[in-house]
Amino acid sequence: MNLINTLQIPTSKLDLFIRSVEISSYLPGRVRLRSSKLISNPALEVEVQAQLGAFPEIASTETSTVTGSILIKYEPASRARFSSSTSPPSCGGTRSFARSRNIS
């Protein structure tokens, strides 16, 4: 058994970031996340946008380094289809859903 997996130690910067994100609000087709690590961190914003941009299930993403917010918009029907038919791609041991990005 792998000790890192057992202790759930982050294995990458992205993994560490994902663990700092909290769900701020959720509606079908829209989820807003918040992370204090994103505030005043344009380099992390670019990395988050790049990671989210790799997945076709998300219609758009918007990020803010002022508030630490990440808004993800998706089609609920395509998300349900994705969940039931395939396993999501792996990204540093985490899962993300994205396609296009609109940086605000």
C-alpha atoms as a PDB file:
ATOM      1  CA  MET A   1       0.000   0.000   0.000  1.00  0.00           C
ATOM      2  CA  ASN A   2       1.332   3.424  -0.974  1.00  0.00           C
ATOM      3  CA  LEU A   3       1.916   5.650   2.076  1.00  0.00           C
ATOM      4  CA  ILE A   4       1.279   8.880   0.118  1.00  0.00           C
ATOM      5  CA  ASN A   5      -2.146   7.607  -0.987  1.00  0.00           C
ATOM      6  CA  THR A   6      -2.955   6.273   2.471  1.00  0.00           C
ATOM      7  CA  LEU A   7      -2.164   9.597   4.139  1.00  0.00           C
ATOM      8  CA  GLN A   8      -3.709  11.543   1.234  1.00  0.00           C
ATOM      9  CA  ILE A   9      -0.632  13.735   0.895  1.00  0.00           C
ATOM     10  CA  PRO A  10      -0.878  16.112  -2.100  1.00  0.00           C
ATOM     11  CA  THR A  11       1.310  14.920  -4.955  1.00  0.00           C
ATOM     12  CA  SER A  12       1.321  18.099  -7.055  1.00  0.00           C
ATOM     13  CA  LYS A  13       0.634  21.833  -6.843  1.00  0.00           C
ATOM     14  CA  LEU A  14      -2.682  21.240  -8.595  1.00  0.00           C
ATOM     15  CA  ASP A  15      -3.648  18.556  -6.069  1.00  0.00           C
ATOM     16  CA  LEU A  16      -2.813  20.949  -3.225  1.00  0.00           C
ATOM     17  CA  PHE A  17      -4.868  23.707  -4.874  1.00  0.00           C
ATOM     18  CA  ILE A  18      -7.878  21.413  -5.414  1.00  0.00           C
ATOM     19  CA  ARG A  19      -7.892  20.644  -1.690  1.00  0.00           C
ATOM     20  CA  SER A  20      -8.090  24.386  -0.917  1.00  0.00           C
ATOM     21  CA  VAL A  21     -11.209  24.947  -3.029  1.00  0.00           C
ATOM     22  CA  GLU A  22     -14.638  25.241  -1.413  1.00  0.00           C
ATOM     23  CA  ILE A  23     -18.007  25.105  -3.170  1.00  0.00           C
ATOM     24  CA  SER A  24     -19.573  28.531  -2.774  1.00  0.00           C
ATOM     25  CA  SER A  25     -22.790  27.884  -4.690  1.00  0.00           C
ATOM     26  CA  TYR A  26     -24.307  25.250  -6.925  1.00  0.00           C
ATOM     27  CA  LEU A  27     -27.179  25.173  -9.379  1.00  0.00           C
ATOM     28  CA  PRO A  28     -27.611  22.618 -12.167  1.00  0.00           C
ATOM     29  CA  GLY A  29     -25.429  23.906 -14.983  1.00  0.00           C
ATOM     30  CA  ARG A  30     -23.412  26.244 -12.761  1.00  0.00           C
ATOM     31  CA  VAL A  31     -21.025  25.855  -9.838  1.00  0.00           C
ATOM     32  CA  ARG A  32     -18.989  28.583  -8.124  1.00  0.00           C
ATOM     33  CA  LEU A  33     -15.841  27.625  -6.248  1.00  0.00           C
ATOM     34  CA  ARG A  34     -13.677  29.793  -4.003  1.00  0.00           C
ATOM     35  CA  SER A  35     -10.042  29.518  -3.020  1.00  0.00           C
ATOM     36  CA  SER A  36      -7.962  31.995  -1.060  1.00  0.00           C
ATOM     37  CA  LYS A  37      -4.902  30.688  -2.944  1.00  0.00           C
ATOM     38  CA  LEU A  38      -6.259  32.241  -6.162  1.00  0.00           C
ATOM     39  CA  ILE A  39      -6.446  35.776  -4.697  1.00  0.00           C
ATOM     40  CA  SER A  40      -3.700  38.009  -6.164  1.00  0.00           C
ATOM     41  CA  ASN A  41      -2.181  35.002  -7.934  1.00  0.00           C
ATOM     42  CA  PRO A  42      -2.397  35.457 -11.727  1.00  0.00           C
ATOM     43  CA  ALA A  43       0.025  32.583 -12.357  1.00  0.00           C
ATOM     44  CA  LEU A  44      -2.313  30.172 -10.563  1.00  0.00           C
ATOM     45  CA  GLU A  45      -5.258  31.645 -12.479  1.00  0.00           C
ATOM     46  CA  VAL A  46      -3.521  30.785 -15.763  1.00  0.00           C
ATOM     47  CA  GLU A  47      -2.811  27.239 -14.531  1.00  0.00           C
ATOM     48  CA  VAL A  48      -6.413  26.734 -13.383  1.00  0.00           C
ATOM     49  CA  GLN A  49      -7.719  27.990 -16.735  1.00  0.00           C
ATOM     50  CA  ALA A  50      -5.340  25.686 -18.614  1.00  0.00           C
ATOM     51  CA  GLN A  51      -6.404  22.640 -16.571  1.00  0.00           C
ATOM     52  CA  LEU A  52     -10.114  23.404 -16.909  1.00  0.00           C
ATOM     53  CA  GLY A  53      -9.702  24.141 -20.609  1.00  0.00           C
ATOM     54  CA  ALA A  54      -8.609  20.553 -21.201  1.00  0.00           C
ATOM     55  CA  PHE A  55     -12.061  19.058 -20.654  1.00  0.00           C
ATOM     56  CA  PRO A  56     -14.966  19.227 -23.126  1.00  0.00           C
ATOM     57  CA  GLU A  57     -17.784  18.857 -20.571  1.00  0.00           C
ATOM     58  CA  ILE A  58     -17.642  22.457 -19.350  1.00  0.00           C
ATOM     59  CA  ALA A  59     -19.154  25.190 -21.504  1.00  0.00           C
ATOM     60  CA  SER A  60     -17.136  28.007 -19.912  1.00  0.00           C
ATOM     61  CA  THR A  61     -15.130  29.051 -16.885  1.00  0.00           C
ATOM     62  CA  GLU A  62     -14.534  32.452 -15.359  1.00  0.00           C
ATOM     63  CA  THR A  63     -11.926  33.181 -12.714  1.00  0.00           C
ATOM     64  CA  SER A  64     -11.193  36.176 -10.522  1.00  0.00           C
ATOM     65  CA  THR A  65      -7.939  36.829  -8.707  1.00  0.00           C
ATOM     66  CA  VAL A  66      -9.706  39.630  -6.813  1.00  0.00           C
ATOM     67  CA  THR A  67     -12.251  37.366  -5.104  1.00  0.00           C
ATOM     68  CA  GLY A  68     -10.638  33.934  -5.521  1.00  0.00           C
ATOM     69  CA  SER A  69     -13.713  32.777  -7.435  1.00  0.00           C
ATOM     70  CA  ILE A  70     -13.985  30.147 -10.172  1.00  0.00           C
ATOM     71  CA  LEU A  71     -17.323  29.982 -11.990  1.00  0.00           C
ATOM     72  CA  ILE A  72     -17.873  26.828 -14.006  1.00  0.00           C
ATOM     73  CA  LYS A  73     -20.813  26.586 -16.425  1.00  0.00           C
ATOM     74  CA  TYR A  74     -21.810  23.299 -18.013  1.00  0.00           C
ATOM     75  CA  GLU A  75     -24.803  21.634 -19.645  1.00  0.00           C
ATOM     76  CA  PRO A  76     -26.376  19.418 -16.956  1.00  0.00           C
ATOM     77  CA  ALA A  77     -27.441  16.855 -19.585  1.00  0.00           C
ATOM     78  CA  SER A  78     -23.873  16.501 -20.907  1.00  0.00           C
ATOM     79  CA  ARG A  79     -22.533  16.179 -17.346  1.00  0.00           C
ATOM     80  CA  ALA A  80     -25.032  13.393 -16.598  1.00  0.00           C
ATOM     81  CA  ARG A  81     -24.124  11.653 -19.863  1.00  0.00           C
ATOM     82  CA  PHE A  82     -20.438  12.017 -18.974  1.00  0.00           C
ATOM     83  CA  SER A  83     -20.939  10.585 -15.473  1.00  0.00           C
ATOM     84  CA  SER A  84     -22.803   7.509 -16.610  1.00  0.00           C
ATOM     85  CA  SER A  85     -20.876   6.626 -19.751  1.00  0.00           C
ATOM     86  CA  THR A  86     -17.184   7.246 -19.126  1.00  0.00           C
ATOM     87  CA  SER A  87     -14.569   7.823 -16.516  1.00  0.00           C
ATOM     88  CA  PRO A  88     -13.205  11.381 -16.472  1.00  0.00           C
ATOM     89  CA  PRO A  89      -9.609  11.959 -17.493  1.00  0.00           C
ATOM     90  CA  SER A  90      -7.090  12.145 -14.695  1.00  0.00           C
ATOM     91  CA  CYS A  91      -5.233  15.348 -14.004  1.00  0.00           C
ATOM     92  CA  GLY A  92      -2.520  15.006 -11.370  1.00  0.00           C
ATOM     93  CA  GLY A  93      -4.693  12.580  -9.426  1.00  0.00           C
ATOM     94  CA  THR A  94      -7.704  14.918  -9.500  1.00  0.00           C
ATOM     95  CA  ARG A  95     -10.730  15.296 -11.731  1.00  0.00           C
ATOM     96  CA  SER A  96     -11.777  18.428 -13.578  1.00  0.00           C
ATOM     97  CA  PHE A  97     -14.517  19.176 -16.087  1.00  0.00           C
ATOM     98  CA  ALA A  98     -13.923  21.951 -18.629  1.00  0.00           C
ATOM     99  CA  ARG A  99     -13.874  23.141 -22.223  1.00  0.00           C
ATOM    100  CA  SER A 100     -13.637  26.816 -23.050  1.00  0.00           C
ATOM    101  CA  ARG A 101     -12.574  29.599 -20.761  1.00  0.00           C
ATOM    102  CA  ASN A 102     -13.496  33.225 -20.318  1.00  0.00           C
ATOM    103  CA  ILE A 103     -11.056  34.979 -18.030  1.00  0.00           C
ATOM    104  CA  SER A 104     -12.593  37.963 -16.281  1.00  0.00           C
END
